[in-house]
Amino acid sequence: PPKTFTGTKIQLPGGKGTVFSYQPIIAGGSFTWGQATHKATRIPQTAAHVDNIVKVATQLEKARQQIGKPFRITSWYRPEPFNSRAGGARRSQHLGGGAVDIVVSGYMGKELGAKLSSWWPGGMGIYPGNRKHILHLDVGAKRKWGF
């Protein structure tokens, strides 16, 4: 029988179907739709947003395998007004689901970034101040900041 998932039902836009908050974004993966959508409170607005979430999840699975420790997602899909409230950049990749902020126990963001920088395909950043333990990863243009 097909696997049944639990959590809040999320209707994805653009004919992308229905998923549940505890359902992995990538089959068999570590990251769920609930993590990407802030516990199903931030539903993707377009099919492109869904595609970006899937792109991030695909790369994040590779990173998770490499590091071998759980990733705590602090922020993923962040449409307005949530992006502004979080102090996000005006054209943040979070706005379209193409960015994620992660924390991994035992790592500062810079150390984690150094381990992934040889292959991560997009942007990578470290936040200032008391957020240096957070690593920003996105599927936008390849660039680095805060290192």
N, C-alpha and C. Protein backbone atom coordinates (compact mmCIF):
# COMPACT_ATOMS: atom_id res chain seq x y z
N PRO A 1 0.83 -1.21 0.00
CA PRO A 1 0.00 0.00 0.00
C PRO A 1 0.87 1.26 0.00
N PRO A 2 0.35 2.36 -0.55
CA PRO A 2 1.13 3.59 -0.56
C PRO A 2 1.34 4.14 0.85
N LYS A 3 2.45 4.80 1.05
CA LYS A 3 2.78 5.38 2.36
C LYS A 3 1.80 6.50 2.67
N THR A 4 1.30 6.51 3.90
CA THR A 4 0.42 7.60 4.30
C THR A 4 1.21 8.54 5.21
N PHE A 5 1.00 9.82 5.02
CA PHE A 5 1.72 10.82 5.80
C PHE A 5 0.75 11.55 6.71
N THR A 6 1.29 12.12 7.77
CA THR A 6 0.47 12.83 8.74
C THR A 6 0.83 14.30 8.78
N GLY A 7 0.11 15.00 9.61
CA GLY A 7 0.34 16.42 9.76
C GLY A 7 -0.72 17.21 9.02
N THR A 8 -0.46 18.49 8.89
CA THR A 8 -1.40 19.39 8.21
C THR A 8 -1.33 19.19 6.71
N LYS A 9 -2.52 19.13 6.09
CA LYS A 9 -2.60 18.98 4.63
C LYS A 9 -2.24 20.32 3.98
N ILE A 10 -1.36 20.28 2.98
CA ILE A 10 -0.92 21.48 2.27
C ILE A 10 -1.23 21.30 0.79
N GLN A 11 -2.06 22.19 0.27
CA GLN A 11 -2.39 22.16 -1.16
C GLN A 11 -1.35 23.02 -1.88
N LEU A 12 -0.51 22.39 -2.69
CA LEU A 12 0.53 23.12 -3.41
C LEU A 12 -0.06 23.79 -4.65
N PRO A 13 0.44 24.98 -4.99
CA PRO A 13 -0.09 25.71 -6.16
C PRO A 13 0.38 25.12 -7.48
N GLY A 14 -0.26 25.54 -8.56
CA GLY A 14 0.18 25.17 -9.90
C GLY A 14 0.02 23.71 -10.23
N GLY A 15 -0.96 23.06 -9.64
CA GLY A 15 -1.20 21.64 -9.94
C GLY A 15 -0.12 20.72 -9.39
N LYS A 16 0.59 21.17 -8.37
CA LYS A 16 1.69 20.38 -7.80
C LYS A 16 1.21 19.35 -6.79
N GLY A 17 -0.10 19.33 -6.53
CA GLY A 17 -0.66 18.29 -5.68
C GLY A 17 -0.79 18.68 -4.22
N THR A 18 -1.06 17.67 -3.40
CA THR A 18 -1.27 17.84 -1.97
C THR A 18 -0.17 17.09 -1.24
N VAL A 19 0.38 17.72 -0.21
CA VAL A 19 1.38 17.09 0.64
C VAL A 19 0.96 17.29 2.09
N PHE A 20 1.67 16.66 3.00
CA PHE A 20 1.40 16.81 4.43
C PHE A 20 2.64 17.34 5.13
N SER A 21 2.43 18.04 6.25
CA SER A 21 3.55 18.71 6.91
C SER A 21 4.65 17.74 7.36
N TYR A 22 4.32 16.51 7.69
CA TYR A 22 5.36 15.55 8.11
C TYR A 22 5.91 14.72 6.96
N GLN A 23 5.50 15.04 5.75
CA GLN A 23 5.94 14.31 4.56
C GLN A 23 7.30 14.85 4.09
N PRO A 24 8.26 13.95 3.81
CA PRO A 24 9.53 14.43 3.27
C PRO A 24 9.33 15.11 1.92
N ILE A 25 10.09 16.16 1.67
CA ILE A 25 10.03 16.88 0.40
C ILE A 25 10.57 15.98 -0.71
N ILE A 26 11.68 15.31 -0.42
CA ILE A 26 12.29 14.34 -1.33
C ILE A 26 11.98 12.96 -0.75
N ALA A 27 11.47 12.05 -1.56
CA ALA A 27 11.11 10.71 -1.06
C ALA A 27 12.27 10.11 -0.27
N GLY A 28 11.98 9.69 0.96
CA GLY A 28 12.98 9.09 1.82
C GLY A 28 13.94 10.09 2.46
N GLY A 29 13.70 11.37 2.24
CA GLY A 29 14.62 12.40 2.72
C GLY A 29 14.40 12.80 4.17
N SER A 30 15.28 13.67 4.64
CA SER A 30 15.28 14.12 6.04
C SER A 30 14.45 15.37 6.28
N PHE A 31 14.13 16.11 5.22
CA PHE A 31 13.50 17.42 5.38
C PHE A 31 12.05 17.38 4.92
N THR A 32 11.18 17.98 5.74
CA THR A 32 9.73 17.86 5.51
C THR A 32 9.12 19.17 4.99
N TRP A 33 7.93 19.02 4.45
CA TRP A 33 7.16 20.18 4.00
C TRP A 33 6.85 21.10 5.17
N GLY A 34 6.69 20.53 6.35
CA GLY A 34 6.44 21.35 7.54
C GLY A 34 7.63 22.25 7.87
N GLN A 35 8.84 21.72 7.69
CA GLN A 35 10.03 22.53 7.93
C GLN A 35 10.13 23.66 6.90
N ALA A 36 9.85 23.36 5.66
CA ALA A 36 9.95 24.36 4.59
C ALA A 36 8.89 25.44 4.73
N THR A 37 7.73 25.08 5.27
CA THR A 37 6.58 26.01 5.31
C THR A 37 6.27 26.53 6.71
N HIS A 38 7.23 26.44 7.62
CA HIS A 38 7.03 26.93 8.98
C HIS A 38 5.76 26.31 9.58
N LYS A 39 5.76 24.97 9.65
CA LYS A 39 4.64 24.19 10.19
C LYS A 39 3.34 24.45 9.44
N ALA A 40 3.44 24.53 8.11
CA ALA A 40 2.28 24.71 7.21
C ALA A 40 1.58 26.05 7.41
N THR A 41 2.29 27.04 7.92
CA THR A 41 1.71 28.38 8.09
C THR A 41 2.10 29.31 6.94
N ARG A 42 3.05 28.91 6.11
CA ARG A 42 3.51 29.72 4.99
C ARG A 42 3.44 28.86 3.72
N ILE A 43 2.28 28.84 3.11
CA ILE A 43 2.04 27.96 1.95
C ILE A 43 2.64 28.61 0.70
N PRO A 44 3.41 27.84 -0.08
CA PRO A 44 3.99 28.41 -1.31
C PRO A 44 2.91 29.04 -2.18
N GLN A 45 3.23 30.21 -2.75
CA GLN A 45 2.25 30.96 -3.52
C GLN A 45 2.25 30.61 -5.00
N THR A 46 3.36 30.07 -5.49
CA THR A 46 3.45 29.74 -6.92
C THR A 46 4.13 28.39 -7.11
N ALA A 47 3.96 27.82 -8.31
CA ALA A 47 4.64 26.57 -8.65
C ALA A 47 6.15 26.76 -8.60
N ALA A 48 6.63 27.96 -8.96
CA ALA A 48 8.08 28.24 -8.91
C ALA A 48 8.60 28.18 -7.48
N HIS A 49 7.81 28.63 -6.52
CA HIS A 49 8.20 28.54 -5.11
C HIS A 49 8.35 27.07 -4.71
N VAL A 50 7.40 26.24 -5.13
CA VAL A 50 7.47 24.81 -4.85
C VAL A 50 8.74 24.22 -5.45
N ASP A 51 9.01 24.56 -6.71
CA ASP A 51 10.21 24.05 -7.38
C ASP A 51 11.48 24.46 -6.63
N ASN A 52 11.53 25.70 -6.13
CA ASN A 52 12.69 26.16 -5.38
C ASN A 52 12.86 25.38 -4.08
N ILE A 53 11.75 25.12 -3.39
CA ILE A 53 11.80 24.34 -2.15
C ILE A 53 12.37 22.95 -2.44
N VAL A 54 11.94 22.34 -3.53
CA VAL A 54 12.43 21.01 -3.91
C VAL A 54 13.93 21.08 -4.27
N LYS A 55 14.35 22.13 -4.99
CA LYS A 55 15.78 22.30 -5.32
C LYS A 55 16.64 22.41 -4.07
N VAL A 56 16.17 23.23 -3.12
CA VAL A 56 16.92 23.39 -1.86
C VAL A 56 16.99 22.06 -1.13
N ALA A 57 15.85 21.38 -1.02
CA ALA A 57 15.81 20.10 -0.31
C ALA A 57 16.75 19.08 -0.94
N THR A 58 16.82 19.06 -2.25
CA THR A 58 17.69 18.12 -2.96
C THR A 58 19.16 18.35 -2.59
N GLN A 59 19.58 19.61 -2.61
CA GLN A 59 20.97 19.93 -2.24
C GLN A 59 21.21 19.72 -0.75
N LEU A 60 20.21 20.06 0.07
CA LEU A 60 20.33 19.91 1.51
C LEU A 60 20.50 18.45 1.92
N GLU A 61 19.85 17.54 1.19
CA GLU A 61 20.02 16.11 1.48
C GLU A 61 21.49 15.70 1.28
N LYS A 62 22.11 16.21 0.22
CA LYS A 62 23.53 15.91 -0.03
C LYS A 62 24.39 16.45 1.10
N ALA A 63 24.10 17.68 1.54
CA ALA A 63 24.86 18.30 2.63
C ALA A 63 24.69 17.50 3.92
N ARG A 64 23.47 17.09 4.19
CA ARG A 64 23.16 16.30 5.40
C ARG A 64 23.92 14.99 5.39
N GLN A 65 23.99 14.34 4.24
CA GLN A 65 24.74 13.09 4.11
C GLN A 65 26.23 13.33 4.38
N GLN A 66 26.76 14.41 3.83
CA GLN A 66 28.18 14.72 4.01
C GLN A 66 28.52 14.99 5.47
N ILE A 67 27.71 15.78 6.15
CA ILE A 67 27.99 16.18 7.53
C ILE A 67 27.69 15.05 8.51
N GLY A 68 26.64 14.28 8.22
CA GLY A 68 26.34 13.11 9.06
C GLY A 68 25.71 13.44 10.41
N LYS A 69 25.17 14.64 10.55
CA LYS A 69 24.49 15.05 11.78
C LYS A 69 23.17 15.73 11.38
N PRO A 70 22.19 15.72 12.30
CA PRO A 70 20.92 16.39 11.99
C PRO A 70 21.09 17.89 11.76
N PHE A 71 20.31 18.43 10.85
CA PHE A 71 20.27 19.86 10.59
C PHE A 71 19.00 20.41 11.23
N ARG A 72 19.13 21.50 11.98
CA ARG A 72 17.95 22.20 12.49
C ARG A 72 17.67 23.37 11.56
N ILE A 73 16.47 23.38 11.01
CA ILE A 73 16.06 24.45 10.10
C ILE A 73 15.55 25.62 10.94
N THR A 74 16.16 26.79 10.78
CA THR A 74 15.66 27.96 11.52
C THR A 74 14.74 28.80 10.64
N SER A 75 14.92 28.74 9.32
CA SER A 75 14.05 29.49 8.42
C SER A 75 14.21 28.94 7.00
N TRP A 76 13.09 28.85 6.26
CA TRP A 76 13.16 28.36 4.88
C TRP A 76 12.31 29.28 4.01
N TYR A 77 11.12 28.87 3.64
CA TYR A 77 10.25 29.72 2.81
C TYR A 77 9.72 30.85 3.68
N ARG A 78 9.99 32.08 3.24
CA ARG A 78 9.67 33.24 4.07
C ARG A 78 9.08 34.38 3.23
N PRO A 79 7.81 34.25 2.83
CA PRO A 79 7.19 35.34 2.06
C PRO A 79 6.99 36.56 2.97
N GLU A 80 6.68 37.69 2.35
CA GLU A 80 6.35 38.87 3.16
C GLU A 80 5.02 38.61 3.88
N PRO A 81 4.82 39.14 5.07
CA PRO A 81 5.69 40.08 5.79
C PRO A 81 6.74 39.41 6.65
N PHE A 82 6.82 38.07 6.60
CA PHE A 82 7.74 37.33 7.48
C PHE A 82 9.20 37.66 7.18
N ASN A 83 9.54 37.85 5.91
CA ASN A 83 10.93 38.14 5.55
C ASN A 83 11.38 39.47 6.17
N SER A 84 10.56 40.49 6.05
CA SER A 84 10.91 41.80 6.65
C SER A 84 11.01 41.70 8.16
N ARG A 85 10.07 40.99 8.76
CA ARG A 85 10.09 40.82 10.23
C ARG A 85 11.36 40.12 10.70
N ALA A 86 11.89 39.22 9.87
CA ALA A 86 13.10 38.47 10.23
C ALA A 86 14.37 39.27 9.92
N GLY A 87 14.19 40.46 9.35
CA GLY A 87 15.36 41.27 8.98
C GLY A 87 16.00 40.81 7.69
N GLY A 88 15.22 40.09 6.87
CA GLY A 88 15.74 39.56 5.61
C GLY A 88 15.99 40.63 4.57
N ALA A 89 16.90 40.33 3.65
CA ALA A 89 17.22 41.25 2.55
C ALA A 89 15.98 41.46 1.67
N ARG A 90 15.91 42.61 1.06
CA ARG A 90 14.74 42.97 0.25
C ARG A 90 14.49 41.98 -0.89
N ARG A 91 15.58 41.44 -1.46
CA ARG A 91 15.43 40.47 -2.55
C ARG A 91 15.91 39.08 -2.11
N SER A 92 15.67 38.75 -0.86
CA SER A 92 16.12 37.49 -0.28
C SER A 92 15.63 36.27 -1.07
N GLN A 93 16.49 35.28 -1.18
CA GLN A 93 16.10 34.00 -1.78
C GLN A 93 15.02 33.29 -0.94
N HIS A 94 14.92 33.62 0.34
CA HIS A 94 13.88 33.03 1.19
C HIS A 94 12.48 33.37 0.67
N LEU A 95 12.32 34.53 0.05
CA LEU A 95 11.01 34.98 -0.44
C LEU A 95 10.38 33.99 -1.42
N GLY A 96 11.19 33.33 -2.21
CA GLY A 96 10.69 32.38 -3.20
C GLY A 96 10.96 30.93 -2.86
N GLY A 97 11.32 30.65 -1.60
CA GLY A 97 11.56 29.26 -1.19
C GLY A 97 12.93 28.73 -1.57
N GLY A 98 13.80 29.60 -2.10
CA GLY A 98 15.10 29.15 -2.58
C GLY A 98 16.24 29.26 -1.59
N ALA A 99 15.93 29.48 -0.31
CA ALA A 99 16.98 29.59 0.70
C ALA A 99 16.54 28.94 2.00
N VAL A 100 17.55 28.50 2.75
CA VAL A 100 17.31 27.88 4.05
C VAL A 100 18.42 28.34 5.00
N ASP A 101 18.06 28.50 6.25
CA ASP A 101 19.03 28.78 7.30
C ASP A 101 19.08 27.55 8.19
N ILE A 102 20.30 27.07 8.46
CA ILE A 102 20.45 25.85 9.25
C ILE A 102 21.42 26.04 10.40
N VAL A 103 21.22 25.21 11.42
CA VAL A 103 22.13 25.11 12.55
C VAL A 103 22.45 23.64 12.72
N VAL A 104 23.73 23.33 12.92
CA VAL A 104 24.15 21.96 13.18
C VAL A 104 24.95 21.96 14.47
N SER A 105 24.53 21.14 15.41
CA SER A 105 25.18 21.05 16.71
C SER A 105 26.68 20.79 16.55
N GLY A 106 27.48 21.57 17.26
CA GLY A 106 28.93 21.39 17.23
C GLY A 106 29.63 22.21 16.15
N TYR A 107 28.87 22.96 15.36
CA TYR A 107 29.45 23.75 14.27
C TYR A 107 29.04 25.21 14.36
N MET A 108 29.97 26.09 14.05
CA MET A 108 29.63 27.48 13.76
C MET A 108 29.33 27.50 12.27
N GLY A 109 28.59 28.51 11.81
CA GLY A 109 28.22 28.59 10.41
C GLY A 109 29.43 28.55 9.48
N LYS A 110 30.50 29.25 9.87
CA LYS A 110 31.70 29.33 9.05
C LYS A 110 32.34 27.95 8.84
N GLU A 111 32.38 27.15 9.91
CA GLU A 111 32.96 25.80 9.83
C GLU A 111 32.13 24.90 8.91
N LEU A 112 30.83 25.00 9.06
CA LEU A 112 29.91 24.21 8.25
C LEU A 112 30.04 24.62 6.78
N GLY A 113 30.06 25.92 6.54
CA GLY A 113 30.21 26.44 5.18
C GLY A 113 31.50 25.97 4.53
N ALA A 114 32.57 25.93 5.30
CA ALA A 114 33.86 25.49 4.77
C ALA A 114 33.78 24.04 4.28
N LYS A 115 33.01 23.21 4.98
CA LYS A 115 32.86 21.81 4.58
C LYS A 115 32.04 21.64 3.30
N LEU A 116 31.12 22.58 3.05
CA LEU A 116 30.22 22.45 1.91
C LEU A 116 30.63 23.30 0.71
N SER A 117 31.54 24.24 0.91
CA SER A 117 31.81 25.26 -0.11
C SER A 117 32.38 24.73 -1.41
N SER A 118 33.03 23.57 -1.39
CA SER A 118 33.63 23.05 -2.63
C SER A 118 32.58 22.64 -3.66
N TRP A 119 31.37 22.34 -3.21
CA TRP A 119 30.36 21.86 -4.17
C TRP A 119 29.01 22.57 -4.09
N TRP A 120 28.72 23.30 -3.01
CA TRP A 120 27.38 23.91 -2.91
C TRP A 120 27.17 24.82 -4.12
N PRO A 121 26.06 24.64 -4.87
CA PRO A 121 25.89 25.32 -6.16
C PRO A 121 25.44 26.78 -6.10
N GLY A 122 24.97 27.24 -4.96
CA GLY A 122 24.42 28.60 -4.89
C GLY A 122 25.10 29.48 -3.87
N GLY A 123 24.29 30.32 -3.22
CA GLY A 123 24.80 31.26 -2.24
C GLY A 123 24.99 30.62 -0.88
N MET A 124 25.92 31.22 -0.13
CA MET A 124 26.26 30.73 1.20
C MET A 124 26.62 31.94 2.04
N GLY A 125 26.00 32.06 3.22
CA GLY A 125 26.28 33.23 4.03
C GLY A 125 26.26 32.97 5.51
N ILE A 126 26.96 33.84 6.22
CA ILE A 126 27.01 33.82 7.67
C ILE A 126 26.39 35.13 8.16
N TYR A 127 25.48 35.03 9.10
CA TYR A 127 24.84 36.21 9.65
C TYR A 127 25.74 36.84 10.71
N PRO A 128 25.61 38.15 10.90
CA PRO A 128 26.46 38.84 11.88
C PRO A 128 25.96 38.69 13.32
N GLY A 129 26.73 39.23 14.24
CA GLY A 129 26.32 39.30 15.64
C GLY A 129 26.17 37.95 16.30
N ASN A 130 25.05 37.77 17.00
CA ASN A 130 24.85 36.53 17.76
C ASN A 130 24.25 35.41 16.92
N ARG A 131 24.32 35.55 15.59
CA ARG A 131 23.76 34.52 14.70
C ARG A 131 24.85 33.81 13.89
N LYS A 132 26.09 33.87 14.34
CA LYS A 132 27.21 33.28 13.61
C LYS A 132 27.16 31.74 13.56
N HIS A 133 26.30 31.15 14.36
CA HIS A 133 26.13 29.69 14.36
C HIS A 133 25.19 29.23 13.24
N ILE A 134 24.54 30.19 12.58
CA ILE A 134 23.58 29.88 11.52
C ILE A 134 24.27 29.97 10.16
N LEU A 135 24.03 28.98 9.31
CA LEU A 135 24.53 29.01 7.93
C LEU A 135 23.34 29.20 6.99
N HIS A 136 23.44 30.21 6.13
CA HIS A 136 22.44 30.45 5.08
C HIS A 136 22.92 29.73 3.82
N LEU A 137 22.03 28.95 3.22
CA LEU A 137 22.31 28.28 1.96
C LEU A 137 21.17 28.58 1.00
N ASP A 138 21.52 28.88 -0.27
CA ASP A 138 20.45 29.11 -1.24
C ASP A 138 20.83 28.56 -2.61
N VAL A 139 19.83 28.51 -3.49
CA VAL A 139 20.04 27.98 -4.85
C VAL A 139 20.07 29.09 -5.88
N GLY A 140 20.36 30.31 -5.42
CA GLY A 140 20.55 31.44 -6.33
C GLY A 140 21.96 31.41 -6.92
N ALA A 141 22.43 32.57 -7.34
CA ALA A 141 23.77 32.69 -7.92
C ALA A 141 24.83 32.29 -6.89
N LYS A 142 25.93 31.71 -7.37
CA LYS A 142 27.01 31.30 -6.47
C LYS A 142 27.70 32.55 -5.94
N ARG A 143 27.68 32.70 -4.61
CA ARG A 143 28.32 33.83 -3.95
C ARG A 143 28.48 33.49 -2.48
N LYS A 144 29.32 34.26 -1.78
CA LYS A 144 29.53 34.05 -0.34
C LYS A 144 29.52 35.40 0.35
N TRP A 145 29.04 35.43 1.58
CA TRP A 145 29.09 36.63 2.40
C TRP A 145 29.23 36.28 3.87
N GLY A 146 29.88 37.18 4.61
CA GLY A 146 30.03 37.01 6.05
C GLY A 146 31.15 36.09 6.48
N PHE A 147 31.91 35.56 5.54
CA PHE A 147 32.99 34.63 5.88
C PHE A 147 34.23 35.38 6.24
